[in-house]
Amino acid sequence: QLQLVESGGGLVQPGGSLSLSCVGRGVTLEYYYIGWFRQAPGKEREGVLCITDDSTYYLDSVKGRFTISRDNAKNTVYLQMNNLKPEDTAVYYCAAGGGITTVEAMCTAATGMHYWGKGTLVTVSS
């Protein structure tokens, strides 16, 4: 069964950092484009950071604060989040996909995103 499993969420104070992990089970993540999305209470889901083979898309509000990395040996993708703000509070999801798409379409419309995790909650509060 194909699964993406996120972990690493929790409660953090403003200005703090968290690293989220996304492990692929039954799916080899290095062969896929990857996206991190989030959904805050009462708001629509939004793409935070997405990568293809040669491009990266960042949501404007996370530029300079969030980065993505892969550890192919562990079949894991990470989202490093620094200088967290209360408005970053949301459930964070990882997604994997590909096909004929652009990195912007991946993140703004989830185009080509075929596999999704169930999410991990990040709460930024003092």
C-alpha atoms as a PDB file:
ATOM      1  CA  GLN A   1       0.000   0.000   0.000  1.00  0.00           C
ATOM      2  CA  LEU A   2       1.388   3.386  -1.006  1.00  0.00           C
ATOM      3  CA  GLN A   3       1.670   5.790   1.888  1.00  0.00           C
ATOM      4  CA  LEU A   4       3.280   9.052   2.840  1.00  0.00           C
ATOM      5  CA  VAL A   5       3.692   9.532   6.563  1.00  0.00           C
ATOM      6  CA  GLU A   6       4.466  12.921   8.058  1.00  0.00           C
ATOM      7  CA  SER A   7       5.919  13.510  11.498  1.00  0.00           C
ATOM      8  CA  GLY A   8       7.637  16.217  13.499  1.00  0.00           C
ATOM      9  CA  GLY A   9       4.760  18.540  14.186  1.00  0.00           C
ATOM     10  CA  GLY A  10       4.091  20.021  17.595  1.00  0.00           C
ATOM     11  CA  LEU A  11       3.863  23.175  19.634  1.00  0.00           C
ATOM     12  CA  VAL A  12       6.596  25.770  19.196  1.00  0.00           C
ATOM     13  CA  GLN A  13       7.002  29.356  20.303  1.00  0.00           C
ATOM     14  CA  PRO A  14       7.155  32.179  17.794  1.00  0.00           C
ATOM     15  CA  GLY A  15      10.659  32.460  16.415  1.00  0.00           C
ATOM     16  CA  GLY A  16      11.319  28.783  16.979  1.00  0.00           C
ATOM     17  CA  SER A  17      12.092  26.004  14.522  1.00  0.00           C
ATOM     18  CA  LEU A  18      10.685  22.632  13.569  1.00  0.00           C
ATOM     19  CA  SER A  19      11.710  19.990  11.094  1.00  0.00           C
ATOM     20  CA  LEU A  20       8.957  17.940   9.511  1.00  0.00           C
ATOM     21  CA  SER A  21       9.634  14.561   7.947  1.00  0.00           C
ATOM     22  CA  CYS A  22       7.778  12.729   5.219  1.00  0.00           C
ATOM     23  CA  VAL A  23       8.566   9.046   4.781  1.00  0.00           C
ATOM     24  CA  GLY A  24       7.483   7.093   1.737  1.00  0.00           C
ATOM     25  CA  ARG A  25       6.091   3.607   2.299  1.00  0.00           C
ATOM     26  CA  GLY A  26       5.608   1.593  -0.854  1.00  0.00           C
ATOM     27  CA  VAL A  27       6.688   4.620  -2.863  1.00  0.00           C
ATOM     28  CA  THR A  28      10.242   5.702  -3.638  1.00  0.00           C
ATOM     29  CA  LEU A  29      10.228   9.439  -3.124  1.00  0.00           C
ATOM     30  CA  GLU A  30      13.375  10.211  -5.099  1.00  0.00           C
ATOM     31  CA  TYR A  31      11.492   9.431  -8.293  1.00  0.00           C
ATOM     32  CA  TYR A  32       8.781  11.970  -7.586  1.00  0.00           C
ATOM     33  CA  TYR A  33       8.271  15.670  -7.385  1.00  0.00           C
ATOM     34  CA  ILE A  34       7.512  16.662  -3.816  1.00  0.00           C
ATOM     35  CA  GLY A  35       5.271  19.273  -2.299  1.00  0.00           C
ATOM     36  CA  TRP A  36       4.529  20.475   1.210  1.00  0.00           C
ATOM     37  CA  PHE A  37       1.089  21.930   1.757  1.00  0.00           C
ATOM     38  CA  ARG A  38      -0.738  23.274   4.767  1.00  0.00           C
ATOM     39  CA  GLN A  39      -4.261  23.972   5.860  1.00  0.00           C
ATOM     40  CA  ALA A  40      -5.032  26.317   8.701  1.00  0.00           C
ATOM     41  CA  PRO A  41      -8.358  26.162  10.560  1.00  0.00           C
ATOM     42  CA  GLY A  42     -11.085  27.727   8.479  1.00  0.00           C
ATOM     43  CA  LYS A  43      -8.807  28.313   5.520  1.00  0.00           C
ATOM     44  CA  GLU A  44      -8.160  26.608   2.227  1.00  0.00           C
ATOM     45  CA  ARG A  45      -5.177  24.394   1.690  1.00  0.00           C
ATOM     46  CA  GLU A  46      -2.147  26.198   0.270  1.00  0.00           C
ATOM     47  CA  GLY A  47       1.111  25.039  -1.222  1.00  0.00           C
ATOM     48  CA  VAL A  48       4.086  25.984   0.903  1.00  0.00           C
ATOM     49  CA  LEU A  49       7.109  24.632  -0.924  1.00  0.00           C
ATOM     50  CA  CYS A  50       7.350  22.363  -3.954  1.00  0.00           C
ATOM     51  CA  ILE A  51      10.252  20.921  -5.894  1.00  0.00           C
ATOM     52  CA  THR A  52      10.726  19.315  -9.270  1.00  0.00           C
ATOM     53  CA  ASP A  53      13.980  18.090 -10.793  1.00  0.00           C
ATOM     54  CA  ASP A  54      15.197  21.615 -11.412  1.00  0.00           C
ATOM     55  CA  SER A  55      12.811  24.111  -9.864  1.00  0.00           C
ATOM     56  CA  THR A  56      11.568  25.151  -6.464  1.00  0.00           C
ATOM     57  CA  TYR A  57       8.458  27.122  -5.600  1.00  0.00           C
ATOM     58  CA  TYR A  58       8.065  28.939  -2.309  1.00  0.00           C
ATOM     59  CA  LEU A  59       4.960  30.493  -0.881  1.00  0.00           C
ATOM     60  CA  ASP A  60       5.910  34.168  -0.481  1.00  0.00           C
ATOM     61  CA  SER A  61       5.322  34.165   3.251  1.00  0.00           C
ATOM     62  CA  VAL A  62       7.846  31.372   3.872  1.00  0.00           C
ATOM     63  CA  LYS A  63      10.683  32.551   1.644  1.00  0.00           C
ATOM     64  CA  GLY A  64      13.900  32.759   3.606  1.00  0.00           C
ATOM     65  CA  ARG A  65      12.431  30.724   6.477  1.00  0.00           C
ATOM     66  CA  PHE A  66      11.493  27.283   5.069  1.00  0.00           C
ATOM     67  CA  THR A  67      13.683  24.866   3.147  1.00  0.00           C
ATOM     68  CA  ILE A  68      13.224  21.383   1.752  1.00  0.00           C
ATOM     69  CA  SER A  69      15.694  18.545   1.554  1.00  0.00           C
ATOM     70  CA  ARG A  70      15.777  14.877   0.675  1.00  0.00           C
ATOM     71  CA  ASP A  71      17.527  11.861   2.166  1.00  0.00           C
ATOM     72  CA  ASN A  72      17.095   9.244  -0.525  1.00  0.00           C
ATOM     73  CA  ALA A  73      18.785   6.560   1.563  1.00  0.00           C
ATOM     74  CA  LYS A  74      16.016   6.997   4.130  1.00  0.00           C
ATOM     75  CA  ASN A  75      13.309   7.595   1.515  1.00  0.00           C
ATOM     76  CA  THR A  76      12.488  10.751   3.426  1.00  0.00           C
ATOM     77  CA  VAL A  77      11.848  14.376   2.589  1.00  0.00           C
ATOM     78  CA  TYR A  78      12.213  17.110   5.173  1.00  0.00           C
ATOM     79  CA  LEU A  79      10.698  20.533   5.624  1.00  0.00           C
ATOM     80  CA  GLN A  80      12.881  22.717   7.815  1.00  0.00           C
ATOM     81  CA  MET A  81      10.912  25.615   9.240  1.00  0.00           C
ATOM     82  CA  ASN A  82      12.718  28.458  10.956  1.00  0.00           C
ATOM     83  CA  ASN A  83      11.571  31.710  12.543  1.00  0.00           C
ATOM     84  CA  LEU A  84       8.067  30.324  12.862  1.00  0.00           C
ATOM     85  CA  LYS A  85       5.155  32.717  13.185  1.00  0.00           C
ATOM     86  CA  PRO A  86       1.657  32.209  14.613  1.00  0.00           C
ATOM     87  CA  GLU A  87       0.275  32.412  11.076  1.00  0.00           C
ATOM     88  CA  ASP A  88       2.251  29.268  10.223  1.00  0.00           C
ATOM     89  CA  THR A  89      -0.091  27.291  12.461  1.00  0.00           C
ATOM     90  CA  ALA A  90      -1.700  24.598  10.315  1.00  0.00           C
ATOM     91  CA  VAL A  91      -1.821  20.932   9.490  1.00  0.00           C
ATOM     92  CA  TYR A  92       1.090  20.248   7.155  1.00  0.00           C
ATOM     93  CA  TYR A  93       0.857  17.631   4.435  1.00  0.00           C
ATOM     94  CA  CYS A  94       3.435  16.193   2.108  1.00  0.00           C
ATOM     95  CA  ALA A  95       2.538  15.083  -1.372  1.00  0.00           C
ATOM     96  CA  ALA A  96       4.325  13.302  -4.197  1.00  0.00           C
ATOM     97  CA  GLY A  97       3.617  13.342  -7.866  1.00  0.00           C
ATOM     98  CA  GLY A  98       4.896  14.277 -11.266  1.00  0.00           C
ATOM     99  CA  GLY A  99       3.927  14.280 -14.881  1.00  0.00           C
ATOM    100  CA  ILE A 100       3.627  17.231 -17.163  1.00  0.00           C
ATOM    101  CA  THR A 101       3.310  20.108 -14.772  1.00  0.00           C
ATOM    102  CA  THR A 102       5.123  23.130 -13.519  1.00  0.00           C
ATOM    103  CA  VAL A 103       6.386  23.603 -10.020  1.00  0.00           C
ATOM    104  CA  GLU A 104       4.053  26.577  -9.653  1.00  0.00           C
ATOM    105  CA  ALA A 105       1.018  24.528 -10.735  1.00  0.00           C
ATOM    106  CA  MET A 106       2.049  21.806  -8.321  1.00  0.00           C
ATOM    107  CA  CYS A 107       1.969  24.205  -5.424  1.00  0.00           C
ATOM    108  CA  THR A 108      -0.885  26.546  -6.340  1.00  0.00           C
ATOM    109  CA  ALA A 109      -3.303  23.934  -7.671  1.00  0.00           C
ATOM    110  CA  ALA A 110      -1.814  20.628  -6.480  1.00  0.00           C
ATOM    111  CA  THR A 111      -1.568  19.644 -10.137  1.00  0.00           C
ATOM    112  CA  GLY A 112       0.083  16.273 -10.549  1.00  0.00           C
ATOM    113  CA  MET A 113       0.130  15.500  -6.836  1.00  0.00           C
ATOM    114  CA  HIS A 114      -0.939  11.854  -6.689  1.00  0.00           C
ATOM    115  CA  TYR A 115       0.012  10.697  -3.219  1.00  0.00           C
ATOM    116  CA  TRP A 116      -0.784  12.484   0.036  1.00  0.00           C
ATOM    117  CA  GLY A 117      -0.012  11.975   3.674  1.00  0.00           C
ATOM    118  CA  LYS A 118      -2.509  12.473   6.476  1.00  0.00           C
ATOM    119  CA  GLY A 119      -0.756  15.498   7.882  1.00  0.00           C
ATOM    120  CA  THR A 120       0.977  16.647  11.033  1.00  0.00           C
ATOM    121  CA  LEU A 121      -0.169  19.570  13.165  1.00  0.00           C
ATOM    122  CA  VAL A 122       2.119  22.544  13.735  1.00  0.00           C
ATOM    123  CA  THR A 123       1.055  25.067  16.347  1.00  0.00           C
ATOM    124  CA  VAL A 124       3.013  28.281  16.797  1.00  0.00           C
ATOM    125  CA  SER A 125       2.019  29.994  19.994  1.00  0.00           C
ATOM    126  CA  SER A 126       3.489  31.548  23.093  1.00  0.00           C
END
